[in-house]
């Protein structure tokens, strides 16, 4: 009996350790740690954190010359992932300004997630930031973008954007930044020439739109 209990305990322990070892995006988080050790990040950076629209923005530092930009986007992430890794991707850097692009994958990868549920996830992340970094830190939520690949979710994205925008109006030091509308044409359809082959992620033209919207809001 004692041997059986020991075996059971070891099995449970191994499962626990294994589940921790293979946490989603752990490799990406470990990669950030390595990058920080090789090249220390700027003190009190302007932090960009979120999903693949940031991850694939390889020219971001050159696009905003003279600013202490730190990109900690990790592709495929959802708000739940940012919450899980808030300490490693946000809090530890003590940023002077934060730009968040996340929520799109929450809605696109799980059809059971509603805009209201996405908002609750964002509220939790926002609360963590406020508790850990203070109420005066400028936090900018970049609206969920439209895309060809996810055009069927356009109404859902618009609803989610409006909910977050409304929520942030109660925080003097938080703001909602609309990149969604500038990515639409005069017929309110998504521009067709601003994406790479997958019709989801942006090409240089797409990022040029973002640069124009973001640049005036960066802290000097």
C-alpha atoms as a PDB file:
ATOM      1  CA  UNK A   1       0.000   0.000   0.000  1.00  0.00           C
ATOM      2  CA  UNK A   2       2.806   2.365   0.939  1.00  0.00           C
ATOM      3  CA  UNK A   3       4.590   1.551  -2.336  1.00  0.00           C
ATOM      4  CA  UNK A   4       1.395   2.222  -4.292  1.00  0.00           C
ATOM      5  CA  UNK A   5       0.956   5.593  -2.603  1.00  0.00           C
ATOM      6  CA  UNK A   6       4.569   6.488  -3.350  1.00  0.00           C
ATOM      7  CA  UNK A   7       4.144   5.618  -7.021  1.00  0.00           C
ATOM      8  CA  UNK A   8       0.930   7.638  -7.206  1.00  0.00           C
ATOM      9  CA  UNK A   9       2.617  10.613  -5.583  1.00  0.00           C
ATOM     10  CA  UNK A  10       5.537  10.449  -7.991  1.00  0.00           C
ATOM     11  CA  UNK A  11       3.191  10.235 -10.971  1.00  0.00           C
ATOM     12  CA  UNK A  12       1.259  13.278  -9.792  1.00  0.00           C
ATOM     13  CA  UNK A  13       4.487  15.161  -9.158  1.00  0.00           C
ATOM     14  CA  UNK A  14       5.856  14.305 -12.602  1.00  0.00           C
ATOM     15  CA  UNK A  15       2.617  15.441 -14.251  1.00  0.00           C
ATOM     16  CA  UNK A  16       2.781  18.719 -12.353  1.00  0.00           C
ATOM     17  CA  UNK A  17       6.396  19.321 -13.289  1.00  0.00           C
ATOM     18  CA  UNK A  18       5.712  18.406 -16.904  1.00  0.00           C
ATOM     19  CA  UNK A  19       2.744  20.753 -17.139  1.00  0.00           C
ATOM     20  CA  UNK A  20       4.889  23.564 -15.760  1.00  0.00           C
ATOM     21  CA  UNK A  21       7.732  22.746 -18.111  1.00  0.00           C
ATOM     22  CA  UNK A  22       5.557  22.996 -21.204  1.00  0.00           C
ATOM     23  CA  UNK A  23       3.568  26.091 -20.328  1.00  0.00           C
ATOM     24  CA  UNK A  24       2.472  27.854 -23.511  1.00  0.00           C
ATOM     25  CA  UNK A  25       4.977  30.519 -24.623  1.00  0.00           C
ATOM     26  CA  UNK A  26       7.538  29.549 -21.998  1.00  0.00           C
ATOM     27  CA  UNK A  27      10.212  29.379 -24.721  1.00  0.00           C
ATOM     28  CA  UNK A  28       9.390  32.918 -25.802  1.00  0.00           C
ATOM     29  CA  UNK A  29       9.580  34.168 -22.231  1.00  0.00           C
ATOM     30  CA  UNK A  30      12.918  32.406 -21.728  1.00  0.00           C
ATOM     31  CA  UNK A  31      14.135  34.019 -24.942  1.00  0.00           C
ATOM     32  CA  UNK A  32      13.313  37.461 -23.537  1.00  0.00           C
ATOM     33  CA  UNK A  33      15.421  36.665 -20.470  1.00  0.00           C
ATOM     34  CA  UNK A  34      18.350  35.700 -22.686  1.00  0.00           C
ATOM     35  CA  UNK A  35      17.962  38.883 -24.734  1.00  0.00           C
ATOM     36  CA  UNK A  36      17.945  40.951 -21.543  1.00  0.00           C
ATOM     37  CA  UNK A  37      21.150  39.307 -20.346  1.00  0.00           C
ATOM     38  CA  UNK A  38      22.935  39.806 -23.676  1.00  0.00           C
ATOM     39  CA  UNK A  39      21.682  43.349 -24.256  1.00  0.00           C
ATOM     40  CA  UNK A  40      20.125  45.027 -21.216  1.00  0.00           C
ATOM     41  CA  UNK A  41      16.848  46.774 -22.107  1.00  0.00           C
ATOM     42  CA  UNK A  42      16.596  50.553 -21.749  1.00  0.00           C
ATOM     43  CA  UNK A  43      15.655  51.858 -18.337  1.00  0.00           C
ATOM     44  CA  UNK A  44      11.989  52.793 -18.116  1.00  0.00           C
ATOM     45  CA  UNK A  45      11.265  51.940 -21.756  1.00  0.00           C
ATOM     46  CA  UNK A  46       8.225  52.583 -23.867  1.00  0.00           C
ATOM     47  CA  UNK A  47       6.968  49.025 -23.814  1.00  0.00           C
ATOM     48  CA  UNK A  48       5.063  47.319 -26.610  1.00  0.00           C
ATOM     49  CA  UNK A  49       3.498  44.081 -25.394  1.00  0.00           C
ATOM     50  CA  UNK A  50       0.956  41.725 -26.916  1.00  0.00           C
ATOM     51  CA  UNK A  51       0.535  39.330 -29.800  1.00  0.00           C
ATOM     52  CA  UNK A  52       1.994  38.737 -33.259  1.00  0.00           C
ATOM     53  CA  UNK A  53       1.270  42.180 -34.708  1.00  0.00           C
ATOM     54  CA  UNK A  54       4.021  43.346 -32.357  1.00  0.00           C
ATOM     55  CA  UNK A  55       6.146  40.212 -32.651  1.00  0.00           C
ATOM     56  CA  UNK A  56       6.419  40.639 -36.416  1.00  0.00           C
ATOM     57  CA  UNK A  57       7.142  44.353 -36.177  1.00  0.00           C
ATOM     58  CA  UNK A  58      10.881  43.905 -36.693  1.00  0.00           C
ATOM     59  CA  UNK A  59      11.545  47.538 -37.617  1.00  0.00           C
ATOM     60  CA  UNK A  60       9.787  49.067 -34.641  1.00  0.00           C
ATOM     61  CA  UNK A  61      12.902  50.637 -33.100  1.00  0.00           C
ATOM     62  CA  UNK A  62      13.878  52.246 -36.400  1.00  0.00           C
ATOM     63  CA  UNK A  63      10.293  53.349 -37.011  1.00  0.00           C
ATOM     64  CA  UNK A  64      10.345  55.396 -33.802  1.00  0.00           C
ATOM     65  CA  UNK A  65      13.910  56.786 -33.713  1.00  0.00           C
ATOM     66  CA  UNK A  66      15.005  58.501 -30.545  1.00  0.00           C
ATOM     67  CA  UNK A  67      12.559  56.635 -28.321  1.00  0.00           C
ATOM     68  CA  UNK A  68      13.529  53.878 -25.840  1.00  0.00           C
ATOM     69  CA  UNK A  69      11.310  51.261 -27.460  1.00  0.00           C
ATOM     70  CA  UNK A  70      11.176  47.725 -26.060  1.00  0.00           C
ATOM     71  CA  UNK A  71       9.150  45.129 -27.967  1.00  0.00           C
ATOM     72  CA  UNK A  72       7.931  42.203 -25.905  1.00  0.00           C
ATOM     73  CA  UNK A  73       5.208  40.854 -28.145  1.00  0.00           C
ATOM     74  CA  UNK A  74       4.929  37.089 -28.462  1.00  0.00           C
ATOM     75  CA  UNK A  75       2.961  35.667 -31.366  1.00  0.00           C
ATOM     76  CA  UNK A  76      -0.300  33.852 -30.782  1.00  0.00           C
ATOM     77  CA  UNK A  77      -0.705  35.221 -27.273  1.00  0.00           C
ATOM     78  CA  UNK A  78      -4.033  36.041 -25.719  1.00  0.00           C
ATOM     79  CA  UNK A  79      -4.891  38.301 -22.820  1.00  0.00           C
ATOM     80  CA  UNK A  80      -4.793  35.274 -20.553  1.00  0.00           C
ATOM     81  CA  UNK A  81      -1.154  34.784 -21.568  1.00  0.00           C
ATOM     82  CA  UNK A  82      -0.277  38.401 -20.842  1.00  0.00           C
ATOM     83  CA  UNK A  83      -1.892  38.012 -17.441  1.00  0.00           C
ATOM     84  CA  UNK A  84       0.097  34.843 -16.794  1.00  0.00           C
ATOM     85  CA  UNK A  85       3.371  36.421 -17.833  1.00  0.00           C
ATOM     86  CA  UNK A  86       2.698  39.987 -16.694  1.00  0.00           C
ATOM     87  CA  UNK A  87       5.675  39.992 -14.355  1.00  0.00           C
ATOM     88  CA  UNK A  88       8.102  38.744 -17.015  1.00  0.00           C
ATOM     89  CA  UNK A  89       6.866  40.876 -19.926  1.00  0.00           C
ATOM     90  CA  UNK A  90       5.608  44.066 -18.269  1.00  0.00           C
ATOM     91  CA  UNK A  91       6.209  44.627 -14.556  1.00  0.00           C
ATOM     92  CA  UNK A  92       9.941  43.835 -14.443  1.00  0.00           C
ATOM     93  CA  UNK A  93      10.762  46.550 -16.983  1.00  0.00           C
ATOM     94  CA  UNK A  94       9.127  49.396 -15.040  1.00  0.00           C
ATOM     95  CA  UNK A  95       8.089  51.102 -18.277  1.00  0.00           C
ATOM     96  CA  UNK A  96       7.248  54.785 -18.533  1.00  0.00           C
ATOM     97  CA  UNK A  97       4.527  54.012 -21.102  1.00  0.00           C
ATOM     98  CA  UNK A  98       2.824  50.816 -22.276  1.00  0.00           C
ATOM     99  CA  UNK A  99       1.194  49.958 -25.590  1.00  0.00           C
ATOM    100  CA  UNK A 100      -0.936  46.820 -25.564  1.00  0.00           C
ATOM    101  CA  UNK A 101      -2.089  44.947 -28.625  1.00  0.00           C
ATOM    102  CA  UNK A 102      -3.957  41.860 -27.514  1.00  0.00           C
ATOM    103  CA  UNK A 103      -7.474  40.428 -27.531  1.00  0.00           C
ATOM    104  CA  UNK A 104      -7.737  39.559 -31.200  1.00  0.00           C
ATOM    105  CA  UNK A 105      -6.594  35.983 -30.635  1.00  0.00           C
ATOM    106  CA  UNK A 106      -8.911  35.589 -27.649  1.00  0.00           C
ATOM    107  CA  UNK A 107     -11.867  36.144 -29.955  1.00  0.00           C
ATOM    108  CA  UNK A 108     -10.521  34.459 -33.083  1.00  0.00           C
ATOM    109  CA  UNK A 109      -9.157  31.274 -31.561  1.00  0.00           C
ATOM    110  CA  UNK A 110     -12.104  30.457 -29.337  1.00  0.00           C
ATOM    111  CA  UNK A 111     -15.584  31.231 -30.656  1.00  0.00           C
ATOM    112  CA  UNK A 112     -17.032  30.771 -27.173  1.00  0.00           C
ATOM    113  CA  UNK A 113     -15.264  33.952 -26.032  1.00  0.00           C
ATOM    114  CA  UNK A 114     -17.533  36.971 -26.363  1.00  0.00           C
ATOM    115  CA  UNK A 115     -16.476  40.638 -26.492  1.00  0.00           C
ATOM    116  CA  UNK A 116     -17.709  41.017 -22.916  1.00  0.00           C
ATOM    117  CA  UNK A 117     -15.535  38.121 -21.800  1.00  0.00           C
ATOM    118  CA  UNK A 118     -12.565  39.625 -23.623  1.00  0.00           C
ATOM    119  CA  UNK A 119     -13.203  42.892 -21.814  1.00  0.00           C
ATOM    120  CA  UNK A 120     -13.130  41.121 -18.445  1.00  0.00           C
ATOM    121  CA  UNK A 121      -9.761  39.634 -19.352  1.00  0.00           C
ATOM    122  CA  UNK A 122      -8.456  43.047 -20.296  1.00  0.00           C
ATOM    123  CA  UNK A 123      -9.777  44.530 -17.045  1.00  0.00           C
ATOM    124  CA  UNK A 124      -7.816  41.927 -15.109  1.00  0.00           C
ATOM    125  CA  UNK A 125      -4.606  42.761 -16.968  1.00  0.00           C
ATOM    126  CA  UNK A 126      -5.248  46.480 -16.518  1.00  0.00           C
ATOM    127  CA  UNK A 127      -5.792  45.942 -12.797  1.00  0.00           C
ATOM    128  CA  UNK A 128      -2.481  44.083 -12.461  1.00  0.00           C
ATOM    129  CA  UNK A 129      -0.650  46.917 -14.185  1.00  0.00           C
ATOM    130  CA  UNK A 130      -2.264  49.514 -11.952  1.00  0.00           C
ATOM    131  CA  UNK A 131      -1.567  47.532  -8.771  1.00  0.00           C
ATOM    132  CA  UNK A 132       2.063  46.877  -9.652  1.00  0.00           C
ATOM    133  CA  UNK A 133       3.079  50.030 -11.516  1.00  0.00           C
ATOM    134  CA  UNK A 134       0.765  52.726 -10.217  1.00  0.00           C
ATOM    135  CA  UNK A 135      -2.239  54.707 -11.376  1.00  0.00           C
ATOM    136  CA  UNK A 136      -0.354  57.370 -13.316  1.00  0.00           C
ATOM    137  CA  UNK A 137       1.494  55.158 -15.781  1.00  0.00           C
ATOM    138  CA  UNK A 138       0.244  55.889 -19.322  1.00  0.00           C
ATOM    139  CA  UNK A 139      -1.352  52.722 -20.715  1.00  0.00           C
ATOM    140  CA  UNK A 140      -2.479  52.630 -24.329  1.00  0.00           C
ATOM    141  CA  UNK A 141      -4.742  49.942 -25.748  1.00  0.00           C
ATOM    142  CA  UNK A 142      -4.359  49.635 -29.499  1.00  0.00           C
ATOM    143  CA  UNK A 143      -7.669  48.650 -31.053  1.00  0.00           C
ATOM    144  CA  UNK A 144      -8.131  45.195 -32.552  1.00  0.00           C
ATOM    145  CA  UNK A 145      -7.314  45.491 -36.221  1.00  0.00           C
ATOM    146  CA  UNK A 146      -9.418  44.299 -39.161  1.00  0.00           C
ATOM    147  CA  UNK A 147      -7.969  41.774 -41.611  1.00  0.00           C
ATOM    148  CA  UNK A 148      -8.932  39.827 -44.700  1.00  0.00           C
ATOM    149  CA  UNK A 149      -8.408  36.485 -42.978  1.00  0.00           C
ATOM    150  CA  UNK A 150     -10.669  37.382 -40.051  1.00  0.00           C
ATOM    151  CA  UNK A 151     -13.171  39.636 -41.785  1.00  0.00           C
ATOM    152  CA  UNK A 152     -16.040  37.403 -40.648  1.00  0.00           C
ATOM    153  CA  UNK A 153     -15.229  38.565 -37.113  1.00  0.00           C
ATOM    154  CA  UNK A 154     -15.364  42.247 -38.014  1.00  0.00           C
ATOM    155  CA  UNK A 155     -18.541  42.975 -36.041  1.00  0.00           C
ATOM    156  CA  UNK A 156     -17.165  41.096 -33.051  1.00  0.00           C
ATOM    157  CA  UNK A 157     -13.909  43.064 -33.168  1.00  0.00           C
ATOM    158  CA  UNK A 158     -15.777  46.370 -33.405  1.00  0.00           C
ATOM    159  CA  UNK A 159     -17.934  45.471 -30.404  1.00  0.00           C
ATOM    160  CA  UNK A 160     -14.886  44.450 -28.357  1.00  0.00           C
ATOM    161  CA  UNK A 161     -13.083  47.659 -29.292  1.00  0.00           C
ATOM    162  CA  UNK A 162     -16.024  49.762 -28.185  1.00  0.00           C
ATOM    163  CA  UNK A 163     -16.232  47.970 -24.857  1.00  0.00           C
ATOM    164  CA  UNK A 164     -12.551  48.530 -24.091  1.00  0.00           C
ATOM    165  CA  UNK A 165     -12.753  52.138 -25.268  1.00  0.00           C
ATOM    166  CA  UNK A 166     -15.671  52.771 -22.934  1.00  0.00           C
ATOM    167  CA  UNK A 167     -13.907  51.105 -20.002  1.00  0.00           C
ATOM    168  CA  UNK A 168     -10.743  53.166 -20.447  1.00  0.00           C
ATOM    169  CA  UNK A 169     -12.665  56.437 -20.321  1.00  0.00           C
ATOM    170  CA  UNK A 170     -12.786  56.056 -16.538  1.00  0.00           C
ATOM    171  CA  UNK A 171      -8.975  56.052 -16.294  1.00  0.00           C
ATOM    172  CA  UNK A 172      -7.345  59.451 -16.810  1.00  0.00           C
ATOM    173  CA  UNK A 173      -3.983  57.905 -17.574  1.00  0.00           C
ATOM    174  CA  UNK A 174      -5.181  55.247 -20.013  1.00  0.00           C
ATOM    175  CA  UNK A 175      -6.223  55.690 -23.604  1.00  0.00           C
ATOM    176  CA  UNK A 176      -7.695  53.850 -26.555  1.00  0.00           C
ATOM    177  CA  UNK A 177      -5.875  54.195 -29.855  1.00  0.00           C
ATOM    178  CA  UNK A 178      -7.867  53.495 -33.010  1.00  0.00           C
ATOM    179  CA  UNK A 179      -5.908  51.739 -35.768  1.00  0.00           C
ATOM    180  CA  UNK A 180      -9.008  49.905 -36.955  1.00  0.00           C
ATOM    181  CA  UNK A 181     -10.686  52.703 -38.898  1.00  0.00           C
ATOM    182  CA  UNK A 182      -7.516  53.808 -40.741  1.00  0.00           C
ATOM    183  CA  UNK A 183      -7.169  50.250 -42.076  1.00  0.00           C
ATOM    184  CA  UNK A 184     -10.540  50.480 -43.844  1.00  0.00           C
ATOM    185  CA  UNK A 185     -11.304  52.013 -47.235  1.00  0.00           C
ATOM    186  CA  UNK A 186     -14.082  54.450 -48.157  1.00  0.00           C
ATOM    187  CA  UNK A 187     -16.521  51.522 -48.362  1.00  0.00           C
ATOM    188  CA  UNK A 188     -15.620  50.487 -44.798  1.00  0.00           C
ATOM    189  CA  UNK A 189     -13.955  47.343 -46.107  1.00  0.00           C
ATOM    190  CA  UNK A 190     -10.464  46.332 -45.053  1.00  0.00           C
ATOM    191  CA  UNK A 191      -7.659  47.524 -47.309  1.00  0.00           C
ATOM    192  CA  UNK A 192      -6.374  44.661 -49.423  1.00  0.00           C
ATOM    193  CA  UNK A 193      -2.765  45.709 -49.984  1.00  0.00           C
ATOM    194  CA  UNK A 194      -1.569  46.043 -46.381  1.00  0.00           C
ATOM    195  CA  UNK A 195      -1.119  42.365 -45.544  1.00  0.00           C
ATOM    196  CA  UNK A 196       1.428  39.652 -46.187  1.00  0.00           C
ATOM    197  CA  UNK A 197       0.442  36.419 -47.897  1.00  0.00           C
ATOM    198  CA  UNK A 198      -1.539  35.034 -44.956  1.00  0.00           C
ATOM    199  CA  UNK A 199      -3.955  38.019 -45.169  1.00  0.00           C
ATOM    200  CA  UNK A 200      -3.696  38.355 -41.404  1.00  0.00           C
ATOM    201  CA  UNK A 201      -0.378  39.938 -40.564  1.00  0.00           C
ATOM    202  CA  UNK A 202       0.660  43.307 -41.921  1.00  0.00           C
ATOM    203  CA  UNK A 203       3.262  44.262 -44.465  1.00  0.00           C
ATOM    204  CA  UNK A 204       5.204  47.522 -44.520  1.00  0.00           C
ATOM    205  CA  UNK A 205       2.155  49.465 -45.754  1.00  0.00           C
ATOM    206  CA  UNK A 206       0.114  48.177 -42.844  1.00  0.00           C
ATOM    207  CA  UNK A 207       2.722  49.185 -40.298  1.00  0.00           C
ATOM    208  CA  UNK A 208       3.014  52.617 -41.908  1.00  0.00           C
ATOM    209  CA  UNK A 209      -0.627  53.167 -40.937  1.00  0.00           C
ATOM    210  CA  UNK A 210       0.149  52.180 -37.361  1.00  0.00           C
ATOM    211  CA  UNK A 211       3.218  54.411 -37.240  1.00  0.00           C
ATOM    212  CA  UNK A 212       1.157  57.448 -38.227  1.00  0.00           C
ATOM    213  CA  UNK A 213      -1.404  56.714 -35.520  1.00  0.00           C
ATOM    214  CA  UNK A 214       1.050  55.841 -32.746  1.00  0.00           C
ATOM    215  CA  UNK A 215       3.790  58.446 -33.308  1.00  0.00           C
ATOM    216  CA  UNK A 216       1.895  61.473 -31.925  1.00  0.00           C
ATOM    217  CA  UNK A 217       1.079  59.588 -28.710  1.00  0.00           C
ATOM    218  CA  UNK A 218       4.614  58.541 -27.732  1.00  0.00           C
ATOM    219  CA  UNK A 219       5.978  60.183 -24.608  1.00  0.00           C
ATOM    220  CA  UNK A 220       8.803  62.589 -25.345  1.00  0.00           C
END
